[in-house]
Amino acid sequence: MNMHIHSENMVQTIGALEQYIQRPIPDAKVIRHLAKKHPMRITHYYLDLIDWDDPKDPIRKIAIPSLGEQKRSGTFDTSGEHVHTKFRGFQHKYRQTALILTTNRCAVYCRHCFRKRLVGLVDNEVVVDWDEVVAYLGAHREVTNVLLSGGDPLILATDHLEDILGRLARIPHLRYVRIGSRIPVVLPDRILDDDPLHEAFKAFASGGKQLYVTTQFNHPRELTTTSIRSVKRLQEDGVIVNNQTVLLKGVNDCPSVMAELQAALARAGVIPYYVFQCRPVTTVMDEFQVPLHDACQLIDEARKQLDGLSKRFRFVMSHLTGKIEILGWSDGGIYAKYHQTNRPSLHNKLFHKRLGKDVGWLDLGG
């Protein structure tokens, strides 16, 4: 059942966007060209969250192409995904975790996406052979969990998701499965109106393994009554819902906004898991990345406004060398610690890196 993911519920061209919102889009010619290079796709639900009288509306910036995407700084693979790909659609970067690219499609194509090389464009990195996946996992007992990613796995047909979960449920040494999804944020009715999806989730849970859905709420206005209802529905299935926020210039780069978001997540029963430093992705870096000096100050100020449960997130970056927790700015740079890495010499390493105040990413020599 995928009735809410049909194209008639999406806006995918500038013409259709102007028709839906009944007003012209500034710089439409340039925006149209940008949308050809990196497709635009937005659900009606998410479009309705935008205040079109505000040219700096944060939801608009997430979903609508902007002139800043013309800047070409950065790269399209910032964390070494190609290096750690074992076969098509399957990555094994960290010892205990396997990552599977299940699709190249999403309900909304976020302009800050770190997989802009793939999403909405090509499917040559998407898994095709699930027998190969099962065989690899069976031979690697060190893998305790699988992350289903993409694209957005919850855009897949429910029977396909059910088949995937069924295969993973039969692998004894897997403790849990994670699904990374923006569907609760951008298309919550896909969850609310699909009873077979909930049966599939309950069936998986009945096998003794835990299912997690990791959402990406980036702004308090995304936490609507409907989106929270979709989260509650998942929780009723025994799914644990946590959230990964991306720190984005012009969206949530204000301490009070970040604090309001994390507090609202905790109030909704969603676990604040990570806040990610925006990656230096081509067409993304100049438009969305906050310098690390400013980012550290922002996170510190936001945490001052939060209580225990709402400030338990880690501020991290997904670096080529591993997942690095950014502890704070002092002595002319950042203090940081490796939270996860596949390099034994870096495990739990605490370090200080002197940086200019305008630097947004770490050069650690790869």
Protein backbone atom coordinates (compact mmCIF):
# COMPACT_ATOMS: atom_id res chain seq x y z
CA MET A 1 0.00 0.00 0.00
CA ASN A 2 1.58 3.28 -1.15
CA MET A 3 -1.42 5.45 -1.91
CA HIS A 4 0.03 8.54 -0.20
CA ILE A 5 3.29 8.35 -2.11
CA HIS A 6 1.81 8.67 -5.60
CA SER A 7 3.15 11.53 -7.69
CA GLU A 8 -0.16 13.42 -7.63
CA ASN A 9 0.56 14.22 -3.99
CA MET A 10 3.96 15.69 -4.90
CA VAL A 11 5.16 18.91 -6.51
CA GLN A 12 8.13 18.20 -8.76
CA THR A 13 8.42 21.19 -11.11
CA ILE A 14 8.60 24.96 -10.65
CA GLY A 15 5.47 25.35 -12.77
CA ALA A 16 3.53 22.96 -10.57
CA LEU A 17 4.88 24.73 -7.48
CA GLU A 18 3.74 28.15 -8.72
CA GLN A 19 0.35 26.69 -9.57
CA TYR A 20 -0.01 25.05 -6.13
CA ILE A 21 0.95 28.13 -4.11
CA GLN A 22 -0.71 30.51 -6.61
CA ARG A 23 2.18 32.95 -6.81
CA PRO A 24 5.38 33.28 -8.89
CA ILE A 25 8.71 32.03 -7.59
CA PRO A 26 11.54 34.63 -7.68
CA ASP A 27 14.47 33.69 -9.95
CA ALA A 28 12.36 30.90 -11.42
CA LYS A 29 14.64 30.41 -14.44
CA VAL A 30 17.73 29.76 -12.30
CA ILE A 31 15.75 27.65 -9.80
CA ARG A 32 14.38 25.56 -12.66
CA HIS A 33 17.95 24.92 -13.88
CA LEU A 34 19.09 23.91 -10.37
CA ALA A 35 16.13 21.54 -10.02
CA LYS A 36 17.21 19.76 -13.21
CA LYS A 37 20.66 19.04 -11.72
CA HIS A 38 19.29 18.02 -8.32
CA PRO A 39 15.58 17.25 -8.53
CA MET A 40 12.93 19.01 -6.51
CA ARG A 41 10.21 16.94 -4.88
CA ILE A 42 7.87 18.17 -2.14
CA THR A 43 4.71 16.74 -0.63
CA HIS A 44 1.60 18.91 -0.39
CA TYR A 45 1.67 18.37 3.37
CA TYR A 46 5.19 19.81 3.67
CA LEU A 47 4.48 22.68 1.29
CA ASP A 48 1.59 23.72 3.52
CA LEU A 49 4.03 24.26 6.41
CA ILE A 50 5.77 27.08 4.50
CA ASP A 51 4.99 30.75 5.14
CA TRP A 52 5.23 32.10 1.60
CA ASP A 53 5.20 35.69 2.83
CA ASP A 54 8.57 35.05 4.50
CA PRO A 55 11.41 34.76 1.94
CA LYS A 56 13.63 33.35 4.72
CA ASP A 57 11.14 30.72 5.86
CA PRO A 58 13.18 27.76 7.23
CA ILE A 59 10.94 25.05 5.76
CA ARG A 60 11.15 26.77 2.39
CA LYS A 61 14.95 26.72 2.58
CA ILE A 62 14.97 22.98 3.32
CA ALA A 63 12.71 22.08 0.40
CA ILE A 64 12.95 24.70 -2.36
CA PRO A 65 16.09 25.18 -4.52
CA SER A 66 17.86 28.47 -3.85
CA LEU A 67 20.49 30.53 -5.63
CA GLY A 68 23.17 29.45 -3.13
CA GLU A 69 23.14 25.98 -4.70
CA GLN A 70 25.03 27.44 -7.66
CA LYS A 71 28.20 27.45 -5.55
CA ARG A 72 30.24 24.32 -6.20
CA SER A 73 32.55 24.12 -3.16
CA GLY A 74 32.86 20.74 -1.47
CA THR A 75 32.56 17.15 -2.67
CA PHE A 76 29.75 14.64 -3.21
CA ASP A 77 31.16 11.93 -0.92
CA THR A 78 32.35 13.55 2.30
CA SER A 79 32.54 10.50 4.55
CA GLY A 80 34.02 7.80 2.30
CA GLU A 81 30.86 5.91 1.39
CA HIS A 82 32.38 4.57 -1.84
CA VAL A 83 35.48 3.34 0.00
CA HIS A 84 33.37 1.30 2.44
CA THR A 85 30.95 -0.16 -0.11
CA LYS A 86 31.33 -3.95 -0.16
CA PHE A 87 28.90 -4.50 -3.03
CA ARG A 88 26.15 -2.50 -4.64
CA GLY A 89 24.00 -0.82 -1.98
CA PHE A 90 25.85 -2.29 1.01
CA GLN A 91 28.34 -0.39 3.19
CA HIS A 92 30.33 -1.71 6.14
CA LYS A 93 32.34 1.17 7.63
CA TYR A 94 32.02 0.44 11.35
CA ARG A 95 32.57 -3.06 12.74
CA GLN A 96 29.15 -3.60 14.33
CA THR A 97 27.00 -1.70 11.81
CA ALA A 98 26.03 -2.40 8.22
CA LEU A 99 24.34 0.30 6.12
CA ILE A 100 22.04 -0.57 3.24
CA LEU A 101 20.90 1.89 0.58
CA THR A 102 17.39 0.62 -0.11
CA THR A 103 16.21 3.28 -2.59
CA ASN A 104 17.28 6.51 -4.28
CA ARG A 105 13.88 8.16 -3.71
CA CYS A 106 12.38 10.29 -0.93
CA ALA A 107 9.03 11.95 -0.42
CA VAL A 108 10.83 15.32 -0.19
CA TYR A 109 14.24 15.99 -1.69
CA CYS A 110 15.90 18.10 1.00
CA ARG A 111 18.28 20.67 -0.43
CA HIS A 112 20.88 19.92 2.26
CA CYS A 113 20.98 16.18 1.49
CA PHE A 114 24.45 14.67 1.83
CA ARG A 115 23.63 12.08 -0.87
CA LYS A 116 22.76 14.61 -3.58
CA ARG A 117 24.96 12.54 -5.91
CA LEU A 118 22.31 9.82 -5.73
CA VAL A 119 18.90 10.89 -4.47
CA GLY A 120 16.38 11.43 -7.24
CA LEU A 121 19.07 10.96 -9.88
CA VAL A 122 20.61 7.51 -10.24
CA ASP A 123 19.97 4.09 -8.73
CA ASN A 124 23.39 2.52 -9.33
CA GLU A 125 24.18 2.57 -5.59
CA VAL A 126 20.92 0.96 -4.47
CA VAL A 127 20.93 -2.64 -3.29
CA VAL A 128 19.63 -5.17 -5.82
CA ASP A 129 20.61 -8.57 -4.41
CA TRP A 130 19.11 -9.26 -0.99
CA ASP A 131 20.45 -12.82 -1.03
CA GLU A 132 23.94 -11.30 -1.17
CA VAL A 133 23.04 -9.05 1.78
CA VAL A 134 21.87 -12.01 3.86
CA ALA A 135 24.94 -14.06 2.93
CA TYR A 136 27.32 -11.23 3.91
CA LEU A 137 25.56 -10.65 7.23
CA GLY A 138 25.53 -14.37 7.94
CA ALA A 139 29.31 -14.48 7.42
CA HIS A 140 29.99 -11.41 9.58
CA ARG A 141 28.77 -12.16 13.06
CA GLU A 142 30.40 -9.00 14.36
CA VAL A 143 27.55 -7.03 12.75
CA THR A 144 24.99 -6.47 15.50
CA ASN A 145 22.75 -3.96 13.74
CA VAL A 146 21.66 -2.83 10.29
CA LEU A 147 20.75 0.70 9.20
CA LEU A 148 18.28 0.90 6.32
CA SER A 149 18.84 4.14 4.49
CA GLY A 150 18.66 5.64 1.02
CA GLY A 151 16.77 7.66 -0.07
CA ASP A 152 13.99 6.99 2.38
CA PRO A 153 13.16 3.32 3.10
CA LEU A 154 9.61 4.20 4.19
CA ILE A 155 8.82 5.32 0.66
CA LEU A 156 9.10 1.67 -0.41
CA ALA A 157 5.97 -0.41 -0.87
CA THR A 158 4.91 -2.00 2.42
CA ASP A 159 5.22 -5.56 1.11
CA HIS A 160 8.81 -4.80 0.07
CA LEU A 161 9.61 -3.44 3.54
CA GLU A 162 7.96 -6.48 5.07
CA ASP A 163 10.18 -8.76 2.97
CA ILE A 164 13.32 -6.84 4.00
CA LEU A 165 12.45 -6.97 7.69
CA GLY A 166 11.57 -10.65 7.43
CA ARG A 167 15.00 -11.46 5.98
CA LEU A 168 16.79 -9.47 8.69
CA ALA A 169 14.66 -10.98 11.46
CA ARG A 170 16.01 -14.43 10.59
CA ILE A 171 19.67 -13.44 11.16
CA PRO A 172 20.34 -14.56 14.74
CA HIS A 173 23.19 -12.23 15.72
CA LEU A 174 21.40 -9.02 14.68
CA ARG A 175 20.11 -7.26 17.80
CA TYR A 176 18.22 -4.44 16.14
CA VAL A 177 17.42 -2.72 12.87
CA ARG A 178 17.27 1.01 12.26
CA ILE A 179 15.28 2.79 9.56
CA GLY A 180 16.41 6.31 8.72
CA SER A 181 13.37 8.24 7.53
CA ARG A 182 11.96 11.73 7.04
CA ILE A 183 8.48 10.31 6.34
CA PRO A 184 7.15 11.20 9.85
CA VAL A 185 8.30 14.78 9.14
CA VAL A 186 7.22 15.28 5.53
CA LEU A 187 4.44 12.73 4.91
CA PRO A 188 3.06 11.48 8.25
CA ASP A 189 -0.15 10.13 6.69
CA ARG A 190 1.90 7.40 5.03
CA ILE A 191 2.35 6.05 8.56
CA LEU A 192 -1.05 6.94 9.94
CA ASP A 193 -3.06 5.37 7.11
CA ASP A 194 -1.16 2.14 6.45
CA ASP A 195 -2.31 -0.68 8.73
CA PRO A 196 -0.21 -3.34 6.95
CA LEU A 197 2.91 -1.32 7.73
CA HIS A 198 2.13 -1.53 11.44
CA GLU A 199 1.46 -5.25 11.20
CA ALA A 200 4.89 -5.66 9.61
CA PHE A 201 6.56 -3.65 12.38
CA LYS A 202 4.73 -5.60 15.10
CA ALA A 203 5.66 -8.90 13.44
CA PHE A 204 9.32 -7.91 13.42
CA ALA A 205 9.18 -6.90 17.09
CA SER A 206 7.54 -10.20 18.01
CA GLY A 207 10.71 -11.97 16.91
CA GLY A 208 12.67 -10.50 19.78
CA LYS A 209 14.59 -7.83 17.87
CA GLN A 210 14.17 -4.11 18.39
CA LEU A 211 13.15 -1.79 15.55
CA TYR A 212 14.20 1.85 15.60
CA VAL A 213 13.04 4.67 13.34
CA THR A 214 15.49 7.55 13.23
CA THR A 215 13.75 10.70 12.09
CA GLN A 216 15.19 14.07 11.06
CA PHE A 217 13.22 16.95 12.52
CA ASN A 218 15.25 20.10 11.86
CA HIS A 219 12.87 22.86 12.96
CA PRO A 220 10.17 23.15 15.65
CA ARG A 221 7.52 23.93 13.03
CA GLU A 222 7.98 20.44 11.59
CA LEU A 223 6.63 18.98 14.84
CA THR A 224 2.96 19.31 13.94
CA THR A 225 0.02 17.57 15.58
CA THR A 226 -0.04 15.16 12.62
CA SER A 227 3.67 14.38 12.68
CA ILE A 228 3.54 13.73 16.43
CA ARG A 229 0.56 11.41 15.90
CA SER A 230 2.61 9.43 13.37
CA VAL A 231 5.42 9.12 15.92
CA LYS A 232 2.98 7.91 18.57
CA ARG A 233 1.62 5.33 16.12
CA LEU A 234 5.12 3.97 15.59
CA GLN A 235 5.69 3.84 19.34
CA GLU A 236 2.47 1.84 19.72
CA ASP A 237 4.06 -0.75 17.42
CA GLY A 238 6.99 -1.09 19.80
CA VAL A 239 9.24 1.05 17.60
CA ILE A 240 11.72 3.33 19.37
CA VAL A 241 11.86 6.72 17.65
CA ASN A 242 14.94 8.90 17.90
CA ASN A 243 15.98 12.00 16.00
CA GLN A 244 19.03 13.28 14.18
CA THR A 245 18.98 17.02 13.56
CA VAL A 246 21.31 18.63 11.03
CA LEU A 247 22.63 22.06 12.02
CA LEU A 248 21.63 24.23 9.06
CA LYS A 249 22.34 27.88 8.38
CA GLY A 250 19.10 29.78 7.96
CA VAL A 251 17.03 26.95 9.43
CA ASN A 252 18.03 26.20 13.03
CA ASP A 253 21.28 28.16 13.57
CA CYS A 254 19.85 30.04 16.53
CA PRO A 255 20.22 28.79 20.13
CA SER A 256 16.57 29.40 21.02
CA VAL A 257 15.33 27.59 17.89
CA MET A 258 17.64 24.62 18.48
CA ALA A 259 16.59 24.48 22.14
CA GLU A 260 12.90 24.71 21.25
CA LEU A 261 13.33 21.85 18.77
CA GLN A 262 15.11 19.50 21.18
CA ALA A 263 12.66 20.29 23.98
CA ALA A 264 9.70 19.64 21.67
CA LEU A 265 11.20 16.32 20.60
CA ALA A 266 11.63 15.21 24.22
CA ARG A 267 8.07 16.33 25.00
CA ALA A 268 6.82 14.21 22.08
CA GLY A 269 8.68 11.16 23.40
CA VAL A 270 11.31 11.28 20.64
CA ILE A 271 14.89 10.70 21.79
CA PRO A 272 17.26 13.56 20.80
CA TYR A 273 20.10 11.42 19.42
CA TYR A 274 22.53 13.51 17.33
CA VAL A 275 22.93 17.04 16.08
CA PHE A 276 25.09 16.78 12.97
CA GLN A 277 27.50 19.36 11.66
CA CYS A 278 26.40 19.93 8.05
CA ARG A 279 28.74 18.11 5.67
CA PRO A 280 30.78 19.98 3.03
CA VAL A 281 28.71 18.62 0.15
CA THR A 282 28.84 20.31 -3.24
CA THR A 283 25.87 22.74 -3.64
CA VAL A 284 25.20 22.36 0.11
CA MET A 285 28.29 23.59 1.95
CA ASP A 286 28.14 27.31 1.17
CA GLU A 287 24.37 27.49 1.56
CA PHE A 288 23.88 25.50 4.78
CA GLN A 289 27.11 24.93 6.72
CA VAL A 290 27.72 26.88 9.94
CA PRO A 291 31.40 27.46 10.91
CA LEU A 292 32.51 25.21 13.76
CA HIS A 293 33.33 28.16 16.04
CA ASP A 294 29.78 29.50 15.72
CA ALA A 295 28.30 26.00 15.86
CA CYS A 296 30.01 25.20 19.18
CA GLN A 297 28.80 28.45 20.72
CA LEU A 298 25.28 27.81 19.44
CA ILE A 299 25.15 24.27 20.87
CA ASP A 300 26.49 25.48 24.22
CA GLU A 301 23.87 28.25 24.39
CA ALA A 302 21.08 25.87 23.37
CA ARG A 303 22.07 23.35 26.06
CA LYS A 304 21.86 26.07 28.72
CA GLN A 305 18.14 26.34 27.91
CA LEU A 306 17.49 22.57 28.12
CA ASP A 307 16.88 19.98 30.81
CA GLY A 308 18.47 16.56 31.16
CA LEU A 309 16.46 14.56 28.64
CA SER A 310 16.28 17.26 25.98
CA LYS A 311 20.03 17.97 25.97
CA ARG A 312 21.27 14.38 25.81
CA PHE A 313 22.07 14.64 22.07
CA ARG A 314 25.69 14.52 20.91
CA PHE A 315 27.04 17.17 18.53
CA VAL A 316 28.92 15.17 15.90
CA MET A 317 30.31 15.10 12.39
CA SER A 318 30.43 12.10 10.08
CA HIS A 319 34.01 12.37 8.90
CA LEU A 320 36.00 10.23 6.50
CA THR A 321 37.98 8.96 9.52
CA GLY A 322 34.91 8.20 11.66
CA LYS A 323 32.12 9.75 13.69
CA ILE A 324 33.61 12.58 15.73
CA GLU A 325 31.90 14.07 18.77
CA ILE A 326 32.56 17.81 18.95
CA LEU A 327 32.93 18.69 22.63
CA GLY A 328 33.37 22.44 22.35
CA TRP A 329 35.52 25.39 21.28
CA SER A 330 38.45 26.59 23.38
CA ASP A 331 42.13 27.51 22.99
CA GLY A 332 41.67 28.61 19.38
CA GLY A 333 39.96 25.49 18.12
CA ILE A 334 37.74 22.54 18.91
CA TYR A 335 38.08 19.77 21.43
CA ALA A 336 36.70 16.54 20.00
CA LYS A 337 36.62 12.80 20.55
CA TYR A 338 36.16 9.87 18.22
CA HIS A 339 32.75 8.43 18.91
CA GLN A 340 33.12 5.70 16.29
CA THR A 341 35.85 4.72 13.85
CA ASN A 342 37.22 1.74 11.95
CA ARG A 343 40.81 2.72 12.70
CA PRO A 344 42.11 1.10 15.91
CA SER A 345 44.57 3.92 16.58
CA LEU A 346 41.72 6.43 16.75
CA HIS A 347 39.32 4.55 19.04
CA ASN A 348 38.09 6.97 21.75
CA LYS A 349 40.88 9.39 20.85
CA LEU A 350 40.49 12.82 22.44
CA PHE A 351 42.10 15.65 20.48
CA HIS A 352 42.31 19.40 20.00
CA LYS A 353 42.42 20.98 16.55
CA ARG A 354 43.29 24.65 16.06
CA LEU A 355 41.01 26.24 13.45
CA GLY A 356 40.15 29.55 11.89
CA LYS A 357 36.78 30.86 13.03
CA ASP A 358 35.36 30.50 9.52
CA VAL A 359 36.25 26.78 9.12
CA GLY A 360 33.29 24.38 8.93
CA TRP A 361 34.98 20.98 8.62
CA LEU A 362 38.09 19.17 9.81
CA ASP A 363 41.11 18.44 7.63
CA LEU A 364 42.60 15.41 9.34
CA GLY A 365 44.57 14.10 6.41
CA GLY A 366 41.88 11.54 5.42
